[in-house]
Amino acid sequence: MNAIKTYFRNAIKEFNNVTWPTQKQAIRVSAIVFVFMIISAVILGTVDQLLSIGYQSFL
């Protein structure tokens, strides 16, 4: 039981040492992730469609 208390005590200490991003930084990083997600979805969707068309013409 003592080990569990020590673990949570240390976890809280580490949690307080975290350098949190500012709101502006968080919004900027979220926007970058969103843009890359959209680009990836478009690329993967295009590749999927091309492979589907190729497979259908092969059959």
PDB file of N, CA and C in Angstrom:
ATOM      1  N   MET A   1       0.824  -1.194   0.000  1.00  0.00           N
ATOM      2  CA  MET A   1       0.000   0.000   0.000  1.00  0.00           C
ATOM      3  C   MET A   1       0.866   1.254   0.000  1.00  0.00           C
ATOM      4  N   ASN A   2       2.004   1.171   0.682  1.00  0.00           N
ATOM      5  CA  ASN A   2       2.912   2.308   0.748  1.00  0.00           C
ATOM      6  C   ASN A   2       3.508   2.611  -0.628  1.00  0.00           C
ATOM      7  N   ALA A   3       3.745   1.551  -1.404  1.00  0.00           N
ATOM      8  CA  ALA A   3       4.307   1.740  -2.742  1.00  0.00           C
ATOM      9  C   ALA A   3       3.322   2.490  -3.639  1.00  0.00           C
ATOM     10  N   ILE A   4       2.036   2.231  -3.484  1.00  0.00           N
ATOM     11  CA  ILE A   4       1.016   2.915  -4.284  1.00  0.00           C
ATOM     12  C   ILE A   4       0.978   4.397  -3.932  1.00  0.00           C
ATOM     13  N   LYS A   5       1.028   4.704  -2.639  1.00  0.00           N
ATOM     14  CA  LYS A   5       1.028   6.108  -2.207  1.00  0.00           C
ATOM     15  C   LYS A   5       2.256   6.840  -2.742  1.00  0.00           C
ATOM     16  N   THR A   6       3.398   6.172  -2.675  1.00  0.00           N
ATOM     17  CA  THR A   6       4.630   6.776  -3.178  1.00  0.00           C
ATOM     18  C   THR A   6       4.537   7.021  -4.682  1.00  0.00           C
ATOM     19  N   TYR A   7       3.979   6.062  -5.385  1.00  0.00           N
ATOM     20  CA  TYR A   7       3.824   6.203  -6.830  1.00  0.00           C
ATOM     21  C   TYR A   7       2.985   7.436  -7.163  1.00  0.00           C
ATOM     22  N   PHE A   8       1.825   7.570  -6.525  1.00  0.00           N
ATOM     23  CA  PHE A   8       0.945   8.707  -6.821  1.00  0.00           C
ATOM     24  C   PHE A   8       1.555  10.028  -6.365  1.00  0.00           C
ATOM     25  N   ARG A   9       2.273  10.031  -5.269  1.00  0.00           N
ATOM     26  CA  ARG A   9       2.947  11.235  -4.800  1.00  0.00           C
ATOM     27  C   ARG A   9       3.984  11.691  -5.829  1.00  0.00           C
ATOM     28  N   ASN A  10       4.763  10.733  -6.335  1.00  0.00           N
ATOM     29  CA  ASN A  10       5.767  11.059  -7.351  1.00  0.00           C
ATOM     30  C   ASN A  10       5.116  11.472  -8.669  1.00  0.00           C
ATOM     31  N   ALA A  11       4.005  10.839  -9.012  1.00  0.00           N
ATOM     32  CA  ALA A  11       3.306  11.199 -10.249  1.00  0.00           C
ATOM     33  C   ALA A  11       2.798  12.637 -10.184  1.00  0.00           C
ATOM     34  N   ILE A  12       2.277  13.036  -9.042  1.00  0.00           N
ATOM     35  CA  ILE A  12       1.787  14.407  -8.880  1.00  0.00           C
ATOM     36  C   ILE A  12       2.944  15.397  -8.945  1.00  0.00           C
ATOM     37  N   LYS A  13       4.078  15.059  -8.356  1.00  0.00           N
ATOM     38  CA  LYS A  13       5.249  15.935  -8.434  1.00  0.00           C
ATOM     39  C   LYS A  13       5.691  16.118  -9.882  1.00  0.00           C
ATOM     40  N   GLU A  14       5.733  15.027 -10.641  1.00  0.00           N
ATOM     41  CA  GLU A  14       6.123  15.117 -12.053  1.00  0.00           C
ATOM     42  C   GLU A  14       5.090  15.899 -12.854  1.00  0.00           C
ATOM     43  N   PHE A  15       3.831  15.714 -12.536  1.00  0.00           N
ATOM     44  CA  PHE A  15       2.750  16.422 -13.223  1.00  0.00           C
ATOM     45  C   PHE A  15       2.904  17.923 -13.036  1.00  0.00           C
ATOM     46  N   ASN A  16       3.329  18.349 -11.874  1.00  0.00           N
ATOM     47  CA  ASN A  16       3.532  19.772 -11.608  1.00  0.00           C
ATOM     48  C   ASN A  16       4.761  20.324 -12.323  1.00  0.00           C
ATOM     49  N   ASN A  17       5.693  19.464 -12.728  1.00  0.00           N
ATOM     50  CA  ASN A  17       6.898  19.901 -13.425  1.00  0.00           C
ATOM     51  C   ASN A  17       6.699  20.028 -14.935  1.00  0.00           C
ATOM     52  N   VAL A  18       5.559  19.606 -15.438  1.00  0.00           N
ATOM     53  CA  VAL A  18       5.299  19.654 -16.875  1.00  0.00           C
ATOM     54  C   VAL A  18       5.189  21.105 -17.326  1.00  0.00           C
ATOM     55  N   THR A  19       5.812  21.403 -18.463  1.00  0.00           N
ATOM     56  CA  THR A  19       5.688  22.733 -19.055  1.00  0.00           C
ATOM     57  C   THR A  19       4.538  22.683 -20.049  1.00  0.00           C
ATOM     58  N   TRP A  20       3.439  23.300 -19.698  1.00  0.00           N
ATOM     59  CA  TRP A  20       2.255  23.260 -20.541  1.00  0.00           C
ATOM     60  C   TRP A  20       2.333  24.326 -21.618  1.00  0.00           C
ATOM     61  N   PRO A  21       1.827  24.029 -22.823  1.00  0.00           N
ATOM     62  CA  PRO A  21       1.856  25.036 -23.885  1.00  0.00           C
ATOM     63  C   PRO A  21       0.845  26.149 -23.602  1.00  0.00           C
ATOM     64  N   THR A  22       1.112  27.307 -24.195  1.00  0.00           N
ATOM     65  CA  THR A  22       0.149  28.396 -24.083  1.00  0.00           C
ATOM     66  C   THR A  22      -1.043  28.076 -24.964  1.00  0.00           C
ATOM     67  N   GLN A  23      -2.111  28.850 -24.812  1.00  0.00           N
ATOM     68  CA  GLN A  23      -3.306  28.610 -25.627  1.00  0.00           C
ATOM     69  C   GLN A  23      -2.986  28.818 -27.099  1.00  0.00           C
ATOM     70  N   LYS A  24      -2.183  29.820 -27.407  1.00  0.00           N
ATOM     71  CA  LYS A  24      -1.821  30.101 -28.799  1.00  0.00           C
ATOM     72  C   LYS A  24      -1.028  28.936 -29.394  1.00  0.00           C
ATOM     73  N   GLN A  25      -0.091  28.386 -28.631  1.00  0.00           N
ATOM     74  CA  GLN A  25       0.699  27.253 -29.102  1.00  0.00           C
ATOM     75  C   GLN A  25      -0.181  26.017 -29.313  1.00  0.00           C
ATOM     76  N   ALA A  26      -1.095  25.778 -28.390  1.00  0.00           N
ATOM     77  CA  ALA A  26      -1.970  24.613 -28.487  1.00  0.00           C
ATOM     78  C   ALA A  26      -2.871  24.709 -29.715  1.00  0.00           C
ATOM     79  N   ILE A  27      -3.399  25.901 -29.988  1.00  0.00           N
ATOM     80  CA  ILE A  27      -4.258  26.084 -31.158  1.00  0.00           C
ATOM     81  C   ILE A  27      -3.451  25.893 -32.434  1.00  0.00           C
ATOM     82  N   ARG A  28      -2.233  26.430 -32.460  1.00  0.00           N
ATOM     83  CA  ARG A  28      -1.379  26.316 -33.646  1.00  0.00           C
ATOM     84  C   ARG A  28      -1.040  24.855 -33.937  1.00  0.00           C
ATOM     85  N   VAL A  29      -0.640  24.119 -32.918  1.00  0.00           N
ATOM     86  CA  VAL A  29      -0.284  22.715 -33.103  1.00  0.00           C
ATOM     87  C   VAL A  29      -1.512  21.897 -33.507  1.00  0.00           C
ATOM     88  N   SER A  30      -2.658  22.197 -32.924  1.00  0.00           N
ATOM     89  CA  SER A  30      -3.885  21.489 -33.285  1.00  0.00           C
ATOM     90  C   SER A  30      -4.254  21.748 -34.740  1.00  0.00           C
ATOM     91  N   ALA A  31      -4.073  22.978 -35.196  1.00  0.00           N
ATOM     92  CA  ALA A  31      -4.367  23.309 -36.596  1.00  0.00           C
ATOM     93  C   ALA A  31      -3.423  22.561 -37.530  1.00  0.00           C
ATOM     94  N   ILE A  32      -2.153  22.480 -37.169  1.00  0.00           N
ATOM     95  CA  ILE A  32      -1.189  21.748 -37.998  1.00  0.00           C
ATOM     96  C   ILE A  32      -1.564  20.278 -38.090  1.00  0.00           C
ATOM     97  N   VAL A  33      -1.929  19.686 -36.974  1.00  0.00           N
ATOM     98  CA  VAL A  33      -2.334  18.272 -36.964  1.00  0.00           C
ATOM     99  C   VAL A  33      -3.585  18.079 -37.821  1.00  0.00           C
ATOM    100  N   PHE A  34      -4.538  18.988 -37.713  1.00  0.00           N
ATOM    101  CA  PHE A  34      -5.771  18.879 -38.484  1.00  0.00           C
ATOM    102  C   PHE A  34      -5.485  18.963 -39.979  1.00  0.00           C
ATOM    103  N   VAL A  35      -4.615  19.883 -40.384  1.00  0.00           N
ATOM    104  CA  VAL A  35      -4.276  20.030 -41.811  1.00  0.00           C
ATOM    105  C   VAL A  35      -3.603  18.764 -42.328  1.00  0.00           C
ATOM    106  N   PHE A  36      -2.640  18.230 -41.576  1.00  0.00           N
ATOM    107  CA  PHE A  36      -1.984  16.999 -42.009  1.00  0.00           C
ATOM    108  C   PHE A  36      -2.951  15.826 -42.042  1.00  0.00           C
ATOM    109  N   MET A  37      -3.915  15.795 -41.144  1.00  0.00           N
ATOM    110  CA  MET A  37      -4.919  14.739 -41.150  1.00  0.00           C
ATOM    111  C   MET A  37      -5.766  14.803 -42.420  1.00  0.00           C
ATOM    112  N   ILE A  38      -6.173  16.013 -42.802  1.00  0.00           N
ATOM    113  CA  ILE A  38      -6.971  16.181 -44.019  1.00  0.00           C
ATOM    114  C   ILE A  38      -6.155  15.791 -45.245  1.00  0.00           C
ATOM    115  N   ILE A  39      -4.894  16.245 -45.313  1.00  0.00           N
ATOM    116  CA  ILE A  39      -4.036  15.902 -46.453  1.00  0.00           C
ATOM    117  C   ILE A  39      -3.848  14.389 -46.543  1.00  0.00           C
ATOM    118  N   SER A  40      -3.603  13.741 -45.418  1.00  0.00           N
ATOM    119  CA  SER A  40      -3.426  12.288 -45.395  1.00  0.00           C
ATOM    120  C   SER A  40      -4.690  11.573 -45.844  1.00  0.00           C
ATOM    121  N   ALA A  41      -5.839  12.051 -45.402  1.00  0.00           N
ATOM    122  CA  ALA A  41      -7.110  11.423 -45.793  1.00  0.00           C
ATOM    123  C   ALA A  41      -7.329  11.542 -47.295  1.00  0.00           C
ATOM    124  N   VAL A  42      -7.009  12.700 -47.864  1.00  0.00           N
ATOM    125  CA  VAL A  42      -7.180  12.886 -49.309  1.00  0.00           C
ATOM    126  C   VAL A  42      -6.241  11.963 -50.080  1.00  0.00           C
ATOM    127  N   ILE A  43      -4.988  11.895 -49.646  1.00  0.00           N
ATOM    128  CA  ILE A  43      -4.014  11.035 -50.334  1.00  0.00           C
ATOM    129  C   ILE A  43      -4.423   9.573 -50.237  1.00  0.00           C
ATOM    130  N   LEU A  44      -4.763   9.119 -49.027  1.00  0.00           N
ATOM    131  CA  LEU A  44      -5.161   7.716 -48.861  1.00  0.00           C
ATOM    132  C   LEU A  44      -6.451   7.400 -49.605  1.00  0.00           C
ATOM    133  N   GLY A  45      -7.402   8.329 -49.622  1.00  0.00           N
ATOM    134  CA  GLY A  45      -8.643   8.120 -50.369  1.00  0.00           C
ATOM    135  C   GLY A  45      -8.385   8.020 -51.854  1.00  0.00           C
ATOM    136  N   THR A  46      -7.483   8.859 -52.366  1.00  0.00           N
ATOM    137  CA  THR A  46      -7.137   8.813 -53.792  1.00  0.00           C
ATOM    138  C   THR A  46      -6.459   7.497 -54.145  1.00  0.00           C
ATOM    139  N   VAL A  47      -5.501   7.080 -53.337  1.00  0.00           N
ATOM    140  CA  VAL A  47      -4.821   5.802 -53.580  1.00  0.00           C
ATOM    141  C   VAL A  47      -5.822   4.654 -53.524  1.00  0.00           C
ATOM    142  N   ASP A  48      -6.730   4.690 -52.578  1.00  0.00           N
ATOM    143  CA  ASP A  48      -7.740   3.644 -52.454  1.00  0.00           C
ATOM    144  C   ASP A  48      -8.623   3.590 -53.703  1.00  0.00           C
ATOM    145  N   GLN A  49      -9.043   4.751 -54.185  1.00  0.00           N
ATOM    146  CA  GLN A  49      -9.881   4.783 -55.388  1.00  0.00           C
ATOM    147  C   GLN A  49      -9.112   4.259 -56.598  1.00  0.00           C
ATOM    148  N   LEU A  50      -7.864   4.661 -56.755  1.00  0.00           N
ATOM    149  CA  LEU A  50      -7.064   4.192 -57.888  1.00  0.00           C
ATOM    150  C   LEU A  50      -6.846   2.687 -57.833  1.00  0.00           C
ATOM    151  N   LEU A  51      -6.566   2.168 -56.648  1.00  0.00           N
ATOM    152  CA  LEU A  51      -6.403   0.714 -56.509  1.00  0.00           C
ATOM    153  C   LEU A  51      -7.709  -0.018 -56.769  1.00  0.00           C
ATOM    154  N   SER A  52      -8.816   0.556 -56.352  1.00  0.00           N
ATOM    155  CA  SER A  52     -10.124  -0.054 -56.591  1.00  0.00           C
ATOM    156  C   SER A  52     -10.434  -0.089 -58.082  1.00  0.00           C
ATOM    157  N   ILE A  53     -10.155   1.007 -58.769  1.00  0.00           N
ATOM    158  CA  ILE A  53     -10.386   1.054 -60.220  1.00  0.00           C
ATOM    159  C   ILE A  53      -9.476   0.040 -60.916  1.00  0.00           C
ATOM    160  N   GLY A  54      -8.215  -0.041 -60.515  1.00  0.00           N
ATOM    161  CA  GLY A  54      -7.286  -1.014 -61.095  1.00  0.00           C
ATOM    162  C   GLY A  54      -7.725  -2.442 -60.853  1.00  0.00           C
ATOM    163  N   TYR A  55      -8.218  -2.711 -59.659  1.00  0.00           N
ATOM    164  CA  TYR A  55      -8.686  -4.062 -59.334  1.00  0.00           C
ATOM    165  C   TYR A  55      -9.916  -4.428 -60.146  1.00  0.00           C
ATOM    166  N   GLN A  56     -10.843  -3.479 -60.284  1.00  0.00           N
ATOM    167  CA  GLN A  56     -12.059  -3.738 -61.054  1.00  0.00           C
ATOM    168  C   GLN A  56     -11.737  -3.975 -62.527  1.00  0.00           C
ATOM    169  N   SER A  57     -10.791  -3.222 -63.080  1.00  0.00           N
ATOM    170  CA  SER A  57     -10.436  -3.419 -64.486  1.00  0.00           C
ATOM    171  C   SER A  57      -9.662  -4.726 -64.669  1.00  0.00           C
ATOM    172  N   PHE A  58      -8.969  -5.166 -63.632  1.00  0.00           N
ATOM    173  CA  PHE A  58      -8.243  -6.435 -63.693  1.00  0.00           C
ATOM    174  C   PHE A  58      -9.202  -7.609 -63.748  1.00  0.00           C
ATOM    175  N   LEU A  59     -10.323  -7.491 -63.018  1.00  0.00           N
ATOM    176  CA  LEU A  59     -11.303  -8.573 -63.002  1.00  0.00           C
ATOM    177  C   LEU A  59     -12.046  -8.579 -64.298  1.00  0.00           C
TER     178      LEU A  59
END
